[in-house]
mmCIF file of all heavy atoms, coordinates in Angstrom:
data_MODEL
# 
_entry.id   MODEL 
# 
loop_
_atom_site.group_PDB 
_atom_site.id 
_atom_site.type_symbol 
_atom_site.label_atom_id 
_atom_site.label_alt_id 
_atom_site.label_comp_id 
_atom_site.label_asym_id 
_atom_site.label_entity_id 
_atom_site.label_seq_id 
_atom_site.pdbx_PDB_ins_code 
_atom_site.Cartn_x 
_atom_site.Cartn_y 
_atom_site.Cartn_z 
_atom_site.occupancy 
_atom_site.B_iso_or_equiv 
_atom_site.pdbx_formal_charge 
_atom_site.auth_seq_id 
_atom_site.auth_comp_id 
_atom_site.auth_asym_id 
_atom_site.auth_atom_id 
_atom_site.pdbx_PDB_model_num 
ATOM 1   N N   . ASN A 1 1  ? 7.493   -10.405 -1.883 1.00 0.00 ? 1  ASN A N   1 
ATOM 2   C CA  . ASN A 1 1  ? 6.336   -9.382  -1.854 1.00 0.00 ? 1  ASN A CA  1 
ATOM 3   C C   . ASN A 1 1  ? 5.221   -9.678  -2.852 1.00 0.00 ? 1  ASN A C   1 
ATOM 4   O O   . ASN A 1 1  ? 4.122   -9.410  -2.592 1.00 0.00 ? 1  ASN A O   1 
ATOM 5   C CB  . ASN A 1 1  ? 6.943   -8.019  -2.233 1.00 0.00 ? 1  ASN A CB  1 
ATOM 6   C CG  . ASN A 1 1  ? 7.946   -7.483  -1.097 1.00 0.00 ? 1  ASN A CG  1 
ATOM 7   O OD1 . ASN A 1 1  ? 7.794   -7.973  0.047  1.00 0.00 ? 1  ASN A OD1 1 
ATOM 8   N ND2 . ASN A 1 1  ? 8.796   -6.457  -1.452 1.00 0.00 ? 1  ASN A ND2 1 
ATOM 9   N N   . ALA A 1 2  ? 5.587   -10.178 -4.003 1.00 0.00 ? 2  ALA A N   1 
ATOM 10  C CA  . ALA A 1 2  ? 4.656   -10.614 -5.000 1.00 0.00 ? 2  ALA A CA  1 
ATOM 11  C C   . ALA A 1 2  ? 3.764   -11.771 -4.484 1.00 0.00 ? 2  ALA A C   1 
ATOM 12  O O   . ALA A 1 2  ? 2.564   -11.781 -4.608 1.00 0.00 ? 2  ALA A O   1 
ATOM 13  C CB  . ALA A 1 2  ? 5.266   -10.942 -6.349 1.00 0.00 ? 2  ALA A CB  1 
ATOM 14  N N   . PHE A 1 3  ? 4.387   -12.714 -3.778 1.00 0.00 ? 3  PHE A N   1 
ATOM 15  C CA  . PHE A 1 3  ? 3.643   -13.845 -3.120 1.00 0.00 ? 3  PHE A CA  1 
ATOM 16  C C   . PHE A 1 3  ? 2.685   -13.351 -2.140 1.00 0.00 ? 3  PHE A C   1 
ATOM 17  O O   . PHE A 1 3  ? 1.491   -13.705 -2.166 1.00 0.00 ? 3  PHE A O   1 
ATOM 18  C CB  . PHE A 1 3  ? 4.605   -14.830 -2.635 1.00 0.00 ? 3  PHE A CB  1 
ATOM 19  C CG  . PHE A 1 3  ? 4.051   -15.878 -1.676 1.00 0.00 ? 3  PHE A CG  1 
ATOM 20  C CD1 . PHE A 1 3  ? 3.179   -16.844 -2.323 1.00 0.00 ? 3  PHE A CD1 1 
ATOM 21  C CD2 . PHE A 1 3  ? 4.174   -15.845 -0.368 1.00 0.00 ? 3  PHE A CD2 1 
ATOM 22  C CE1 . PHE A 1 3  ? 2.601   -17.847 -1.505 1.00 0.00 ? 3  PHE A CE1 1 
ATOM 23  C CE2 . PHE A 1 3  ? 3.648   -16.806 0.474  1.00 0.00 ? 3  PHE A CE2 1 
ATOM 24  C CZ  . PHE A 1 3  ? 2.775   -17.809 -0.084 1.00 0.00 ? 3  PHE A CZ  1 
ATOM 25  N N   . ILE A 1 4  ? 3.103   -12.460 -1.231 1.00 0.00 ? 4  ILE A N   1 
ATOM 26  C CA  . ILE A 1 4  ? 2.249   -11.952 -0.109 1.00 0.00 ? 4  ILE A CA  1 
ATOM 27  C C   . ILE A 1 4  ? 1.147   -11.100 -0.732 1.00 0.00 ? 4  ILE A C   1 
ATOM 28  O O   . ILE A 1 4  ? 0.040   -11.243 -0.226 1.00 0.00 ? 4  ILE A O   1 
ATOM 29  C CB  . ILE A 1 4  ? 3.088   -11.216 0.828  1.00 0.00 ? 4  ILE A CB  1 
ATOM 30  C CG1 . ILE A 1 4  ? 4.060   -12.143 1.607  1.00 0.00 ? 4  ILE A CG1 1 
ATOM 31  C CG2 . ILE A 1 4  ? 2.213   -10.456 1.930  1.00 0.00 ? 4  ILE A CG2 1 
ATOM 32  C CD1 . ILE A 1 4  ? 4.938   -11.489 2.611  1.00 0.00 ? 4  ILE A CD1 1 
ATOM 33  N N   . ALA A 1 5  ? 1.441   -10.305 -1.710 1.00 0.00 ? 5  ALA A N   1 
ATOM 34  C CA  . ALA A 1 5  ? 0.448   -9.422  -2.302 1.00 0.00 ? 5  ALA A CA  1 
ATOM 35  C C   . ALA A 1 5  ? -0.714  -10.248 -2.953 1.00 0.00 ? 5  ALA A C   1 
ATOM 36  O O   . ALA A 1 5  ? -1.906  -9.913  -2.978 1.00 0.00 ? 5  ALA A O   1 
ATOM 37  C CB  . ALA A 1 5  ? 1.016   -8.512  -3.283 1.00 0.00 ? 5  ALA A CB  1 
ATOM 38  N N   . GLU A 1 6  ? -0.391  -11.444 -3.515 1.00 0.00 ? 6  GLU A N   1 
ATOM 39  C CA  . GLU A 1 6  ? -1.352  -12.280 -4.234 1.00 0.00 ? 6  GLU A CA  1 
ATOM 40  C C   . GLU A 1 6  ? -2.174  -13.150 -3.252 1.00 0.00 ? 6  GLU A C   1 
ATOM 41  O O   . GLU A 1 6  ? -3.396  -13.320 -3.327 1.00 0.00 ? 6  GLU A O   1 
ATOM 42  C CB  . GLU A 1 6  ? -0.738  -13.046 -5.264 1.00 0.00 ? 6  GLU A CB  1 
ATOM 43  C CG  . GLU A 1 6  ? -1.770  -13.991 -6.061 1.00 0.00 ? 6  GLU A CG  1 
ATOM 44  C CD  . GLU A 1 6  ? -1.105  -14.627 -7.180 1.00 0.00 ? 6  GLU A CD  1 
ATOM 45  O OE1 . GLU A 1 6  ? -0.071  -14.211 -7.719 1.00 0.00 ? 6  GLU A OE1 1 
ATOM 46  O OE2 . GLU A 1 6  ? -1.759  -15.661 -7.651 1.00 0.00 ? 6  GLU A OE2 1 
ATOM 47  N N   . VAL A 1 7  ? -1.446  -13.707 -2.208 1.00 0.00 ? 7  VAL A N   1 
ATOM 48  C CA  . VAL A 1 7  ? -2.059  -14.725 -1.396 1.00 0.00 ? 7  VAL A CA  1 
ATOM 49  C C   . VAL A 1 7  ? -2.723  -13.963 -0.154 1.00 0.00 ? 7  VAL A C   1 
ATOM 50  O O   . VAL A 1 7  ? -3.781  -14.418 0.267  1.00 0.00 ? 7  VAL A O   1 
ATOM 51  C CB  . VAL A 1 7  ? -1.017  -15.699 -0.815 1.00 0.00 ? 7  VAL A CB  1 
ATOM 52  C CG1 . VAL A 1 7  ? -1.562  -16.700 0.122  1.00 0.00 ? 7  VAL A CG1 1 
ATOM 53  C CG2 . VAL A 1 7  ? -0.427  -16.452 -1.968 1.00 0.00 ? 7  VAL A CG2 1 
ATOM 54  N N   . PHE A 1 8  ? -2.107  -12.904 0.258  1.00 0.00 ? 8  PHE A N   1 
ATOM 55  C CA  . PHE A 1 8  ? -2.665  -12.165 1.453  1.00 0.00 ? 8  PHE A CA  1 
ATOM 56  C C   . PHE A 1 8  ? -2.966  -10.701 1.071  1.00 0.00 ? 8  PHE A C   1 
ATOM 57  O O   . PHE A 1 8  ? -2.292  -9.735  1.563  1.00 0.00 ? 8  PHE A O   1 
ATOM 58  C CB  . PHE A 1 8  ? -1.774  -12.155 2.647  1.00 0.00 ? 8  PHE A CB  1 
ATOM 59  C CG  . PHE A 1 8  ? -1.240  -13.532 2.922  1.00 0.00 ? 8  PHE A CG  1 
ATOM 60  C CD1 . PHE A 1 8  ? -0.026  -13.851 2.668  1.00 0.00 ? 8  PHE A CD1 1 
ATOM 61  C CD2 . PHE A 1 8  ? -2.085  -14.461 3.600  1.00 0.00 ? 8  PHE A CD2 1 
ATOM 62  C CE1 . PHE A 1 8  ? 0.450   -15.212 3.075  1.00 0.00 ? 8  PHE A CE1 1 
ATOM 63  C CE2 . PHE A 1 8  ? -1.712  -15.692 3.976  1.00 0.00 ? 8  PHE A CE2 1 
ATOM 64  C CZ  . PHE A 1 8  ? -0.425  -16.109 3.681  1.00 0.00 ? 8  PHE A CZ  1 
ATOM 65  N N   . PRO A 1 9  ? -3.932  -10.429 0.070  1.00 0.00 ? 9  PRO A N   1 
ATOM 66  C CA  . PRO A 1 9  ? -4.127  -9.099  -0.415 1.00 0.00 ? 9  PRO A CA  1 
ATOM 67  C C   . PRO A 1 9  ? -4.634  -8.095  0.642  1.00 0.00 ? 9  PRO A C   1 
ATOM 68  O O   . PRO A 1 9  ? -4.470  -6.913  0.509  1.00 0.00 ? 9  PRO A O   1 
ATOM 69  C CB  . PRO A 1 9  ? -5.101  -9.327  -1.491 1.00 0.00 ? 9  PRO A CB  1 
ATOM 70  C CG  . PRO A 1 9  ? -5.900  -10.553 -1.169 1.00 0.00 ? 9  PRO A CG  1 
ATOM 71  C CD  . PRO A 1 9  ? -4.810  -11.440 -0.496 1.00 0.00 ? 9  PRO A CD  1 
ATOM 72  N N   . ALA A 1 10 ? -5.328  -8.641  1.663  1.00 0.00 ? 10 ALA A N   1 
ATOM 73  C CA  . ALA A 1 10 ? -5.974  -7.773  2.759  1.00 0.00 ? 10 ALA A CA  1 
ATOM 74  C C   . ALA A 1 10 ? -4.861  -7.033  3.548  1.00 0.00 ? 10 ALA A C   1 
ATOM 75  O O   . ALA A 1 10 ? -5.099  -6.032  4.186  1.00 0.00 ? 10 ALA A O   1 
ATOM 76  C CB  . ALA A 1 10 ? -6.793  -8.561  3.577  1.00 0.00 ? 10 ALA A CB  1 
ATOM 77  N N   . SER A 1 11 ? -3.610  -7.531  3.418  1.00 0.00 ? 11 SER A N   1 
ATOM 78  C CA  . SER A 1 11 ? -2.511  -6.815  4.251  1.00 0.00 ? 11 SER A CA  1 
ATOM 79  C C   . SER A 1 11 ? -2.087  -5.565  3.619  1.00 0.00 ? 11 SER A C   1 
ATOM 80  O O   . SER A 1 11 ? -1.341  -4.755  4.144  1.00 0.00 ? 11 SER A O   1 
ATOM 81  C CB  . SER A 1 11 ? -1.336  -7.779  4.332  1.00 0.00 ? 11 SER A CB  1 
ATOM 82  O OG  . SER A 1 11 ? -0.857  -8.142  3.076  1.00 0.00 ? 11 SER A OG  1 
ATOM 83  N N   . GLY A 1 12 ? -2.526  -5.293  2.267  1.00 0.00 ? 12 GLY A N   1 
ATOM 84  C CA  . GLY A 1 12 ? -2.195  -4.114  1.664  1.00 0.00 ? 12 GLY A CA  1 
ATOM 85  C C   . GLY A 1 12 ? -0.690  -4.104  1.129  1.00 0.00 ? 12 GLY A C   1 
ATOM 86  O O   . GLY A 1 12 ? 0.013   -5.063  1.226  1.00 0.00 ? 12 GLY A O   1 
ATOM 87  N N   . PRO A 1 13 ? -0.249  -3.107  0.422  1.00 0.00 ? 13 PRO A N   1 
ATOM 88  C CA  . PRO A 1 13 ? 1.090   -3.038  -0.160 1.00 0.00 ? 13 PRO A CA  1 
ATOM 89  C C   . PRO A 1 13 ? 2.175   -3.129  0.919  1.00 0.00 ? 13 PRO A C   1 
ATOM 90  O O   . PRO A 1 13 ? 1.989   -2.613  2.033  1.00 0.00 ? 13 PRO A O   1 
ATOM 91  C CB  . PRO A 1 13 ? 1.209   -1.725  -0.873 1.00 0.00 ? 13 PRO A CB  1 
ATOM 92  C CG  . PRO A 1 13 ? 0.078   -0.876  -0.244 1.00 0.00 ? 13 PRO A CG  1 
ATOM 93  C CD  . PRO A 1 13 ? -1.001  -1.820  0.155  1.00 0.00 ? 13 PRO A CD  1 
ATOM 94  N N   . ARG A 1 14 ? 3.313   -3.876  0.676  1.00 0.00 ? 14 ARG A N   1 
ATOM 95  C CA  . ARG A 1 14 ? 4.362   -3.995  1.764  1.00 0.00 ? 14 ARG A CA  1 
ATOM 96  C C   . ARG A 1 14 ? 5.051   -2.680  1.978  1.00 0.00 ? 14 ARG A C   1 
ATOM 97  O O   . ARG A 1 14 ? 5.444   -2.407  3.111  1.00 0.00 ? 14 ARG A O   1 
ATOM 98  C CB  . ARG A 1 14 ? 5.298   -5.076  1.118  1.00 0.00 ? 14 ARG A CB  1 
ATOM 99  C CG  . ARG A 1 14 ? 4.719   -6.451  1.036  1.00 0.00 ? 14 ARG A CG  1 
ATOM 100 C CD  . ARG A 1 14 ? 4.576   -7.105  2.349  1.00 0.00 ? 14 ARG A CD  1 
ATOM 101 N NE  . ARG A 1 14 ? 5.869   -7.581  2.840  1.00 0.00 ? 14 ARG A NE  1 
ATOM 102 C CZ  . ARG A 1 14 ? 6.106   -8.124  3.976  1.00 0.00 ? 14 ARG A CZ  1 
ATOM 103 N NH1 . ARG A 1 14 ? 5.041   -8.393  4.778  1.00 0.00 ? 14 ARG A NH1 1 
ATOM 104 N NH2 . ARG A 1 14 ? 7.311   -8.472  4.429  1.00 0.00 ? 14 ARG A NH2 1 
ATOM 105 N N   . ASP A 1 15 ? 5.272   -1.863  0.935  1.00 0.00 ? 15 ASP A N   1 
ATOM 106 C CA  . ASP A 1 15 ? 6.082   -0.627  1.128  1.00 0.00 ? 15 ASP A CA  1 
ATOM 107 C C   . ASP A 1 15 ? 5.409   0.469   0.243  1.00 0.00 ? 15 ASP A C   1 
ATOM 108 O O   . ASP A 1 15 ? 5.936   0.797   -0.819 1.00 0.00 ? 15 ASP A O   1 
ATOM 109 C CB  . ASP A 1 15 ? 7.514   -0.897  0.698  1.00 0.00 ? 15 ASP A CB  1 
ATOM 110 C CG  . ASP A 1 15 ? 8.432   0.287   1.085  1.00 0.00 ? 15 ASP A CG  1 
ATOM 111 O OD1 . ASP A 1 15 ? 7.971   1.033   1.908  1.00 0.00 ? 15 ASP A OD1 1 
ATOM 112 O OD2 . ASP A 1 15 ? 9.599   0.394   0.522  1.00 0.00 ? 15 ASP A OD2 1 
ATOM 113 N N   . PRO A 1 16 ? 4.298   0.998   0.789  1.00 0.00 ? 16 PRO A N   1 
ATOM 114 C CA  . PRO A 1 16 ? 3.596   2.012   -0.047 1.00 0.00 ? 16 PRO A CA  1 
ATOM 115 C C   . PRO A 1 16 ? 4.422   3.281   -0.189 1.00 0.00 ? 16 PRO A C   1 
ATOM 116 O O   . PRO A 1 16 ? 4.994   3.703   0.701  1.00 0.00 ? 16 PRO A O   1 
ATOM 117 C CB  . PRO A 1 16 ? 2.324   2.214   0.785  1.00 0.00 ? 16 PRO A CB  1 
ATOM 118 C CG  . PRO A 1 16 ? 2.662   1.913   2.192  1.00 0.00 ? 16 PRO A CG  1 
ATOM 119 C CD  . PRO A 1 16 ? 3.622   0.746   2.086  1.00 0.00 ? 16 PRO A CD  1 
ATOM 120 N N   . LYS A 1 17 ? 4.416   3.864   -1.375 1.00 0.00 ? 17 LYS A N   1 
ATOM 121 C CA  . LYS A 1 17 ? 5.171   5.103   -1.701 1.00 0.00 ? 17 LYS A CA  1 
ATOM 122 C C   . LYS A 1 17 ? 4.245   6.279   -1.630 1.00 0.00 ? 17 LYS A C   1 
ATOM 123 O O   . LYS A 1 17 ? 3.179   6.286   -2.225 1.00 0.00 ? 17 LYS A O   1 
ATOM 124 C CB  . LYS A 1 17 ? 5.787   4.959   -3.053 1.00 0.00 ? 17 LYS A CB  1 
ATOM 125 C CG  . LYS A 1 17 ? 6.719   3.701   -3.227 1.00 0.00 ? 17 LYS A CG  1 
ATOM 126 C CD  . LYS A 1 17 ? 7.913   3.815   -2.261 1.00 0.00 ? 17 LYS A CD  1 
ATOM 127 C CE  . LYS A 1 17 ? 8.880   2.598   -2.529 1.00 0.00 ? 17 LYS A CE  1 
ATOM 128 N NZ  . LYS A 1 17 ? 9.952   2.609   -1.591 1.00 0.00 ? 17 LYS A NZ  1 
ATOM 129 N N   . PRO A 1 18 ? 4.702   7.332   -0.876 1.00 0.00 ? 18 PRO A N   1 
ATOM 130 C CA  . PRO A 1 18 ? 3.917   8.602   -0.896 1.00 0.00 ? 18 PRO A CA  1 
ATOM 131 C C   . PRO A 1 18 ? 4.057   9.429   -2.219 1.00 0.00 ? 18 PRO A C   1 
ATOM 132 O O   . PRO A 1 18 ? 5.055   9.195   -2.872 1.00 0.00 ? 18 PRO A O   1 
ATOM 133 C CB  . PRO A 1 18 ? 4.452   9.327   0.329  1.00 0.00 ? 18 PRO A CB  1 
ATOM 134 C CG  . PRO A 1 18 ? 5.881   8.871   0.450  1.00 0.00 ? 18 PRO A CG  1 
ATOM 135 C CD  . PRO A 1 18 ? 5.881   7.366   0.000  1.00 0.00 ? 18 PRO A CD  1 
ATOM 136 N N   . SER A 1 19 ? 3.106   10.216  -2.512 1.00 0.00 ? 19 SER A N   1 
ATOM 137 C CA  . SER A 1 19 ? 3.252   11.160  -3.686 1.00 0.00 ? 19 SER A CA  1 
ATOM 138 C C   . SER A 1 19 ? 3.994   12.378  -3.407 1.00 0.00 ? 19 SER A C   1 
ATOM 139 O O   . SER A 1 19 ? 4.437   13.006  -4.343 1.00 0.00 ? 19 SER A O   1 
ATOM 140 C CB  . SER A 1 19 ? 1.783   11.384  -4.242 1.00 0.00 ? 19 SER A CB  1 
ATOM 141 O OG  . SER A 1 19 ? 1.129   12.245  -3.301 1.00 0.00 ? 19 SER A OG  1 
ATOM 142 N N   . GLY A 1 20 ? 4.046   12.786  -2.152 1.00 0.00 ? 20 GLY A N   1 
ATOM 143 C CA  . GLY A 1 20 ? 4.623   14.005  -1.790 1.00 0.00 ? 20 GLY A CA  1 
ATOM 144 C C   . GLY A 1 20 ? 3.687   15.214  -1.913 1.00 0.00 ? 20 GLY A C   1 
ATOM 145 O O   . GLY A 1 20 ? 4.055   16.317  -1.602 1.00 0.00 ? 20 GLY A O   1 
ATOM 146 N N   . ILE A 1 21 ? 2.442   14.949  -2.259 1.00 0.00 ? 21 ILE A N   1 
ATOM 147 C CA  . ILE A 1 21 ? 1.451   16.029  -2.310 1.00 0.00 ? 21 ILE A CA  1 
ATOM 148 C C   . ILE A 1 21 ? 0.523   15.963  -1.123 1.00 0.00 ? 21 ILE A C   1 
ATOM 149 O O   . ILE A 1 21 ? -0.100  14.830  -0.835 1.00 0.00 ? 21 ILE A O   1 
ATOM 150 C CB  . ILE A 1 21 ? 0.659   15.851  -3.633 1.00 0.00 ? 21 ILE A CB  1 
ATOM 151 C CG1 . ILE A 1 21 ? 1.565   15.932  -4.796 1.00 0.00 ? 21 ILE A CG1 1 
ATOM 152 C CG2 . ILE A 1 21 ? -0.446  17.017  -3.758 1.00 0.00 ? 21 ILE A CG2 1 
ATOM 153 C CD1 . ILE A 1 21 ? 0.854   15.666  -6.160 1.00 0.00 ? 21 ILE A CD1 1 
ATOM 154 N N   . ALA A 1 22 ? 0.435   16.999  -0.348 1.00 0.00 ? 22 ALA A N   1 
ATOM 155 C CA  . ALA A 1 22 ? -0.383  16.984  0.832  1.00 0.00 ? 22 ALA A CA  1 
ATOM 156 C C   . ALA A 1 22 ? -1.844  16.898  0.540  1.00 0.00 ? 22 ALA A C   1 
ATOM 157 O O   . ALA A 1 22 ? -2.296  17.542  -0.376 1.00 0.00 ? 22 ALA A O   1 
ATOM 158 C CB  . ALA A 1 22 ? -0.059  18.191  1.766  1.00 0.00 ? 22 ALA A CB  1 
ATOM 159 N N   . ALA A 1 23 ? -2.547  16.035  1.312  1.00 0.00 ? 23 ALA A N   1 
ATOM 160 C CA  . ALA A 1 23 ? -4.070  15.958  1.072  1.00 0.00 ? 23 ALA A CA  1 
ATOM 161 C C   . ALA A 1 23 ? -4.638  15.486  2.324  1.00 0.00 ? 23 ALA A C   1 
ATOM 162 O O   . ALA A 1 23 ? -4.178  14.484  2.974  1.00 0.00 ? 23 ALA A O   1 
ATOM 163 C CB  . ALA A 1 23 ? -4.405  15.044  -0.129 1.00 0.00 ? 23 ALA A CB  1 
ATOM 164 N N   . PRO A 1 24 ? -5.695  16.093  2.859  1.00 0.00 ? 24 PRO A N   1 
ATOM 165 C CA  . PRO A 1 24 ? -6.265  15.654  4.162  1.00 0.00 ? 24 PRO A CA  1 
ATOM 166 C C   . PRO A 1 24 ? -7.027  14.398  4.119  1.00 0.00 ? 24 PRO A C   1 
ATOM 167 O O   . PRO A 1 24 ? -7.510  14.049  3.019  1.00 0.00 ? 24 PRO A O   1 
ATOM 168 C CB  . PRO A 1 24 ? -7.267  16.776  4.532  1.00 0.00 ? 24 PRO A CB  1 
ATOM 169 C CG  . PRO A 1 24 ? -7.591  17.410  3.247  1.00 0.00 ? 24 PRO A CG  1 
ATOM 170 C CD  . PRO A 1 24 ? -6.356  17.261  2.334  1.00 0.00 ? 24 PRO A CD  1 
ATOM 171 N N   . LEU A 1 25 ? -7.038  13.662  5.195  1.00 0.00 ? 25 LEU A N   1 
ATOM 172 C CA  . LEU A 1 25 ? -7.791  12.389  5.309  1.00 0.00 ? 25 LEU A CA  1 
ATOM 173 C C   . LEU A 1 25 ? -9.365  12.638  5.222  1.00 0.00 ? 25 LEU A C   1 
ATOM 174 O O   . LEU A 1 25 ? -9.824  13.637  5.841  1.00 0.00 ? 25 LEU A O   1 
ATOM 175 C CB  . LEU A 1 25 ? -7.461  11.626  6.484  1.00 0.00 ? 25 LEU A CB  1 
ATOM 176 C CG  . LEU A 1 25 ? -6.182  10.877  6.561  1.00 0.00 ? 25 LEU A CG  1 
ATOM 177 C CD1 . LEU A 1 25 ? -5.988  10.339  7.918  1.00 0.00 ? 25 LEU A CD1 1 
ATOM 178 C CD2 . LEU A 1 25 ? -6.061  9.879   5.514  1.00 0.00 ? 25 LEU A CD2 1 
ATOM 179 N N   . VAL A 1 26 ? -10.042 11.862  4.555  1.00 0.00 ? 26 VAL A N   1 
ATOM 180 C CA  . VAL A 1 26 ? -11.482 11.951  4.629  1.00 0.00 ? 26 VAL A CA  1 
ATOM 181 C C   . VAL A 1 26 ? -11.976 11.456  5.967  1.00 0.00 ? 26 VAL A C   1 
ATOM 182 O O   . VAL A 1 26 ? -11.337 10.767  6.614  1.00 0.00 ? 26 VAL A O   1 
ATOM 183 C CB  . VAL A 1 26 ? -12.164 11.037  3.445  1.00 0.00 ? 26 VAL A CB  1 
ATOM 184 C CG1 . VAL A 1 26 ? -11.766 11.564  2.136  1.00 0.00 ? 26 VAL A CG1 1 
ATOM 185 C CG2 . VAL A 1 26 ? -11.742 9.603   3.610  1.00 0.00 ? 26 VAL A CG2 1 
# 
């Protein structure tokens, strides 16, 4: 995951964690 995040940053985080707080999309 660290390798992909550095070499292919445009792919975004591999396993993004939600905050649990609702918020509408812009």
